[in-house]
Amino acid sequence: MSQQKKSPNKDIVLSLVFLALALVWACVIFGFSSQDAEQSASLSGEVTEVIVDTFEVKTEPNIIEHFVRKTAHFTEYAVFGGLLFLSFAFFCRYKQKSPYLALIPSCLVSLVYAASDEFHQGFVSGRSPELIDVCIDTSGAVLAGALICLIIYIIRKIKMRKALK
């Protein structure tokens, strides 16, 4: 069974597409961070209300709202980190390098963007920068990249087993 070689042009196009999506997502994150304290609290309050009503949660709504806010941080950056990882992974493939190398720059860019985003929040009414949020954001990006690495590894193992048959 012969393997077809992927077109390098396809890899660079995919890299740029995922980079563009990451930039769009960075703008979404910036938009959420630009909300003043009242707008941000309103949004997380609405989500908290849905969770409390849907799951009939018996705990203090403030605890749920705190969880919602931190989960939002984690999720925003998991998406961002995943998009960056895919962009860098396709670039690595274009350069004939291991896609696993993409984990390093995607995590570093996510860390720097998370820190700059928290710095930006220091200028938004009623908001303040939080180091713990930078850690949560970066954790989301790292986990997304690691999961994609795991998926790549599993796909490669399956392809190798099929090639041996």
C-alpha atoms as a PDB file:
ATOM      1  CA  MET A   1       0.000   0.000   0.000  1.00  0.00           C
ATOM      2  CA  SER A   2       1.642   3.236  -1.099  1.00  0.00           C
ATOM      3  CA  GLN A   3       1.411   6.343   1.007  1.00  0.00           C
ATOM      4  CA  GLN A   4       0.590   9.602  -0.694  1.00  0.00           C
ATOM      5  CA  LYS A   5       2.784  12.525   0.254  1.00  0.00           C
ATOM      6  CA  LYS A   6       0.848  15.535   1.500  1.00  0.00           C
ATOM      7  CA  SER A   7       1.219  18.741  -0.399  1.00  0.00           C
ATOM      8  CA  PRO A   8       3.365  21.267   1.530  1.00  0.00           C
ATOM      9  CA  ASN A   9       1.137  24.024   0.174  1.00  0.00           C
ATOM     10  CA  LYS A  10      -1.870  22.393   1.837  1.00  0.00           C
ATOM     11  CA  ASP A  11      -0.030  22.337   5.174  1.00  0.00           C
ATOM     12  CA  ILE A  12       0.898  26.018   4.996  1.00  0.00           C
ATOM     13  CA  VAL A  13      -2.671  26.962   4.022  1.00  0.00           C
ATOM     14  CA  LEU A  14      -4.060  24.962   6.955  1.00  0.00           C
ATOM     15  CA  SER A  15      -1.491  26.566   9.243  1.00  0.00           C
ATOM     16  CA  LEU A  16      -2.625  30.027   8.154  1.00  0.00           C
ATOM     17  CA  VAL A  17      -6.314  29.128   8.463  1.00  0.00           C
ATOM     18  CA  PHE A  18      -5.852  27.941  12.050  1.00  0.00           C
ATOM     19  CA  LEU A  19      -3.742  31.016  12.807  1.00  0.00           C
ATOM     20  CA  ALA A  20      -6.518  33.255  11.468  1.00  0.00           C
ATOM     21  CA  LEU A  21      -9.068  31.403  13.623  1.00  0.00           C
ATOM     22  CA  ALA A  22      -6.776  31.831  16.651  1.00  0.00           C
ATOM     23  CA  LEU A  23      -6.570  35.576  15.966  1.00  0.00           C
ATOM     24  CA  VAL A  24     -10.354  35.810  15.684  1.00  0.00           C
ATOM     25  CA  TRP A  25     -10.659  33.897  18.965  1.00  0.00           C
ATOM     26  CA  ALA A  26      -8.119  36.243  20.585  1.00  0.00           C
ATOM     27  CA  CYS A  27     -10.454  39.101  19.625  1.00  0.00           C
ATOM     28  CA  VAL A  28     -13.367  37.257  21.247  1.00  0.00           C
ATOM     29  CA  ILE A  29     -11.307  36.870  24.444  1.00  0.00           C
ATOM     30  CA  PHE A  30     -10.370  40.553  24.290  1.00  0.00           C
ATOM     31  CA  GLY A  31     -14.055  41.435  23.928  1.00  0.00           C
ATOM     32  CA  PHE A  32     -14.983  39.475  27.051  1.00  0.00           C
ATOM     33  CA  SER A  33     -12.088  41.072  28.950  1.00  0.00           C
ATOM     34  CA  SER A  34     -13.214  44.530  27.863  1.00  0.00           C
ATOM     35  CA  GLN A  35     -16.567  44.142  29.609  1.00  0.00           C
ATOM     36  CA  ASP A  36     -16.768  46.186  32.764  1.00  0.00           C
ATOM     37  CA  ALA A  37     -17.447  44.456  36.078  1.00  0.00           C
ATOM     38  CA  GLU A  38     -21.221  44.922  35.795  1.00  0.00           C
ATOM     39  CA  GLN A  39     -21.443  43.449  32.281  1.00  0.00           C
ATOM     40  CA  SER A  40     -19.168  40.562  33.182  1.00  0.00           C
ATOM     41  CA  ALA A  41     -21.089  39.795  36.370  1.00  0.00           C
ATOM     42  CA  SER A  42     -24.370  39.929  34.472  1.00  0.00           C
ATOM     43  CA  LEU A  43     -23.192  37.405  31.893  1.00  0.00           C
ATOM     44  CA  SER A  44     -21.744  34.980  34.428  1.00  0.00           C
ATOM     45  CA  GLY A  45     -24.836  35.508  36.610  1.00  0.00           C
ATOM     46  CA  GLU A  46     -27.089  34.431  33.745  1.00  0.00           C
ATOM     47  CA  VAL A  47     -25.023  31.299  33.141  1.00  0.00           C
ATOM     48  CA  THR A  48     -25.010  30.548  36.873  1.00  0.00           C
ATOM     49  CA  GLU A  49     -28.791  30.925  37.016  1.00  0.00           C
ATOM     50  CA  VAL A  50     -29.232  28.436  34.175  1.00  0.00           C
ATOM     51  CA  ILE A  51     -26.930  25.934  35.881  1.00  0.00           C
ATOM     52  CA  VAL A  52     -28.624  26.310  39.272  1.00  0.00           C
ATOM     53  CA  ASP A  53     -32.104  25.964  37.733  1.00  0.00           C
ATOM     54  CA  THR A  54     -31.240  23.126  35.349  1.00  0.00           C
ATOM     55  CA  PHE A  55     -29.349  20.959  37.806  1.00  0.00           C
ATOM     56  CA  GLU A  56     -31.234  22.091  40.911  1.00  0.00           C
ATOM     57  CA  VAL A  57     -27.955  22.922  42.611  1.00  0.00           C
ATOM     58  CA  LYS A  58     -28.345  23.373  46.366  1.00  0.00           C
ATOM     59  CA  THR A  59     -25.089  25.225  47.026  1.00  0.00           C
ATOM     60  CA  GLU A  60     -24.449  28.964  47.319  1.00  0.00           C
ATOM     61  CA  PRO A  61     -24.880  30.692  43.905  1.00  0.00           C
ATOM     62  CA  ASN A  62     -21.676  32.705  44.514  1.00  0.00           C
ATOM     63  CA  ILE A  63     -19.676  29.481  44.583  1.00  0.00           C
ATOM     64  CA  ILE A  64     -21.265  28.358  41.321  1.00  0.00           C
ATOM     65  CA  GLU A  65     -20.646  31.778  39.748  1.00  0.00           C
ATOM     66  CA  HIS A  66     -16.980  31.647  40.760  1.00  0.00           C
ATOM     67  CA  PHE A  67     -16.737  28.191  39.175  1.00  0.00           C
ATOM     68  CA  VAL A  68     -18.465  29.486  36.021  1.00  0.00           C
ATOM     69  CA  ARG A  69     -16.023  32.392  35.720  1.00  0.00           C
ATOM     70  CA  LYS A  70     -12.935  30.214  36.157  1.00  0.00           C
ATOM     71  CA  THR A  71     -14.297  27.544  33.799  1.00  0.00           C
ATOM     72  CA  ALA A  72     -14.893  30.269  31.208  1.00  0.00           C
ATOM     73  CA  HIS A  73     -11.239  31.329  31.505  1.00  0.00           C
ATOM     74  CA  PHE A  74     -10.076  27.740  31.101  1.00  0.00           C
ATOM     75  CA  THR A  75     -12.368  27.069  28.136  1.00  0.00           C
ATOM     76  CA  GLU A  76     -11.553  30.313  26.289  1.00  0.00           C
ATOM     77  CA  TYR A  77      -7.874  29.497  26.414  1.00  0.00           C
ATOM     78  CA  ALA A  78      -8.343  25.794  25.657  1.00  0.00           C
ATOM     79  CA  VAL A  79      -9.914  26.861  22.361  1.00  0.00           C
ATOM     80  CA  PHE A  80      -7.217  29.490  21.792  1.00  0.00           C
ATOM     81  CA  GLY A  81      -4.382  27.103  22.644  1.00  0.00           C
ATOM     82  CA  GLY A  82      -5.896  24.346  20.511  1.00  0.00           C
ATOM     83  CA  LEU A  83      -6.169  26.629  17.485  1.00  0.00           C
ATOM     84  CA  LEU A  84      -2.602  27.838  17.984  1.00  0.00           C
ATOM     85  CA  PHE A  85      -1.379  24.280  18.387  1.00  0.00           C
ATOM     86  CA  LEU A  86      -3.016  23.219  15.117  1.00  0.00           C
ATOM     87  CA  SER A  87      -1.534  26.222  13.333  1.00  0.00           C
ATOM     88  CA  PHE A  88       1.955  25.438  14.607  1.00  0.00           C
ATOM     89  CA  ALA A  89       1.508  21.686  14.015  1.00  0.00           C
ATOM     90  CA  PHE A  90       0.682  22.178  10.339  1.00  0.00           C
ATOM     91  CA  PHE A  91       3.639  24.543  10.060  1.00  0.00           C
ATOM     92  CA  CYS A  92       5.856  21.885  11.643  1.00  0.00           C
ATOM     93  CA  ARG A  93       4.565  19.339   9.146  1.00  0.00           C
ATOM     94  CA  TYR A  94       5.303  21.811   6.337  1.00  0.00           C
ATOM     95  CA  LYS A  95       8.876  22.074   7.679  1.00  0.00           C
ATOM     96  CA  GLN A  96       8.982  18.258   8.045  1.00  0.00           C
ATOM     97  CA  LYS A  97       9.313  18.473  11.832  1.00  0.00           C
ATOM     98  CA  SER A  98       7.375  16.618  14.507  1.00  0.00           C
ATOM     99  CA  PRO A  99       3.935  18.133  15.162  1.00  0.00           C
ATOM    100  CA  TYR A 100       4.538  17.569  18.875  1.00  0.00           C
ATOM    101  CA  LEU A 101       6.989  20.499  18.753  1.00  0.00           C
ATOM    102  CA  ALA A 102       3.956  22.752  18.277  1.00  0.00           C
ATOM    103  CA  LEU A 103       3.113  22.345  21.961  1.00  0.00           C
ATOM    104  CA  ILE A 104       5.928  24.657  23.044  1.00  0.00           C
ATOM    105  CA  PRO A 105       5.109  27.785  20.995  1.00  0.00           C
ATOM    106  CA  SER A 106       1.347  27.353  21.393  1.00  0.00           C
ATOM    107  CA  CYS A 107       1.692  27.244  25.192  1.00  0.00           C
ATOM    108  CA  LEU A 108       4.139  30.162  25.259  1.00  0.00           C
ATOM    109  CA  VAL A 109       1.940  32.354  23.046  1.00  0.00           C
ATOM    110  CA  SER A 110      -1.090  31.457  25.178  1.00  0.00           C
ATOM    111  CA  LEU A 111       0.805  32.336  28.364  1.00  0.00           C
ATOM    112  CA  VAL A 112       1.922  35.703  26.985  1.00  0.00           C
ATOM    113  CA  TYR A 113      -1.562  36.498  25.671  1.00  0.00           C
ATOM    114  CA  ALA A 114      -3.145  35.483  28.994  1.00  0.00           C
ATOM    115  CA  ALA A 115      -0.739  37.747  30.901  1.00  0.00           C
ATOM    116  CA  SER A 116      -1.372  40.661  28.523  1.00  0.00           C
ATOM    117  CA  ASP A 117      -5.115  40.049  28.763  1.00  0.00           C
ATOM    118  CA  GLU A 118      -5.011  40.214  32.560  1.00  0.00           C
ATOM    119  CA  PHE A 119      -2.891  43.368  32.339  1.00  0.00           C
ATOM    120  CA  HIS A 120      -5.553  44.836  30.022  1.00  0.00           C
ATOM    121  CA  GLN A 121      -8.255  44.033  32.600  1.00  0.00           C
ATOM    122  CA  GLY A 122      -6.456  46.346  35.031  1.00  0.00           C
ATOM    123  CA  PHE A 123      -7.677  49.241  32.869  1.00  0.00           C
ATOM    124  CA  VAL A 124     -11.304  48.084  32.711  1.00  0.00           C
ATOM    125  CA  SER A 125     -13.777  49.559  35.194  1.00  0.00           C
ATOM    126  CA  GLY A 126     -14.286  47.279  38.191  1.00  0.00           C
ATOM    127  CA  ARG A 127     -11.932  44.586  36.875  1.00  0.00           C
ATOM    128  CA  SER A 128      -8.487  43.664  38.110  1.00  0.00           C
ATOM    129  CA  PRO A 129      -5.652  41.482  36.857  1.00  0.00           C
ATOM    130  CA  GLU A 130      -5.367  38.125  38.604  1.00  0.00           C
ATOM    131  CA  LEU A 131      -2.285  35.893  38.461  1.00  0.00           C
ATOM    132  CA  ILE A 132      -4.458  32.841  39.156  1.00  0.00           C
ATOM    133  CA  ASP A 133      -6.408  33.603  35.969  1.00  0.00           C
ATOM    134  CA  VAL A 134      -3.178  33.588  33.940  1.00  0.00           C
ATOM    135  CA  CYS A 135      -2.453  30.151  35.422  1.00  0.00           C
ATOM    136  CA  ILE A 136      -5.971  28.886  34.659  1.00  0.00           C
ATOM    137  CA  ASP A 137      -5.815  30.291  31.115  1.00  0.00           C
ATOM    138  CA  THR A 138      -2.445  28.719  30.428  1.00  0.00           C
ATOM    139  CA  SER A 139      -3.623  25.405  31.884  1.00  0.00           C
ATOM    140  CA  GLY A 140      -6.503  25.384  29.406  1.00  0.00           C
ATOM    141  CA  ALA A 141      -4.118  25.956  26.500  1.00  0.00           C
ATOM    142  CA  VAL A 142      -1.680  23.288  27.725  1.00  0.00           C
ATOM    143  CA  LEU A 143      -4.439  20.719  28.177  1.00  0.00           C
ATOM    144  CA  ALA A 144      -5.858  21.400  24.706  1.00  0.00           C
ATOM    145  CA  GLY A 145      -2.428  21.025  23.118  1.00  0.00           C
ATOM    146  CA  ALA A 146      -1.702  17.863  25.098  1.00  0.00           C
ATOM    147  CA  LEU A 147      -5.039  16.331  24.080  1.00  0.00           C
ATOM    148  CA  ILE A 148      -4.357  17.076  20.428  1.00  0.00           C
ATOM    149  CA  CYS A 149      -0.893  15.491  20.828  1.00  0.00           C
ATOM    150  CA  LEU A 150      -2.576  12.406  22.269  1.00  0.00           C
ATOM    151  CA  ILE A 151      -5.029  12.273  19.373  1.00  0.00           C
ATOM    152  CA  ILE A 152      -2.170  12.582  16.860  1.00  0.00           C
ATOM    153  CA  TYR A 153      -0.309   9.778  18.654  1.00  0.00           C
ATOM    154  CA  ILE A 154      -3.362   7.487  18.609  1.00  0.00           C
ATOM    155  CA  ILE A 155      -4.050   8.178  14.928  1.00  0.00           C
ATOM    156  CA  ARG A 156      -0.416   7.430  14.054  1.00  0.00           C
ATOM    157  CA  LYS A 157      -0.541   4.147  16.000  1.00  0.00           C
ATOM    158  CA  ILE A 158      -3.741   3.103  14.213  1.00  0.00           C
ATOM    159  CA  LYS A 159      -2.232   3.962  10.812  1.00  0.00           C
ATOM    160  CA  MET A 160       0.926   1.991  11.637  1.00  0.00           C
ATOM    161  CA  ARG A 161      -1.106  -1.061  12.631  1.00  0.00           C
ATOM    162  CA  LYS A 162      -3.135  -0.870   9.426  1.00  0.00           C
ATOM    163  CA  ALA A 163       0.060  -0.537   7.365  1.00  0.00           C
ATOM    164  CA  LEU A 164       1.457  -3.715   8.952  1.00  0.00           C
ATOM    165  CA  LYS A 165      -1.599  -5.769   7.985  1.00  0.00           C
END
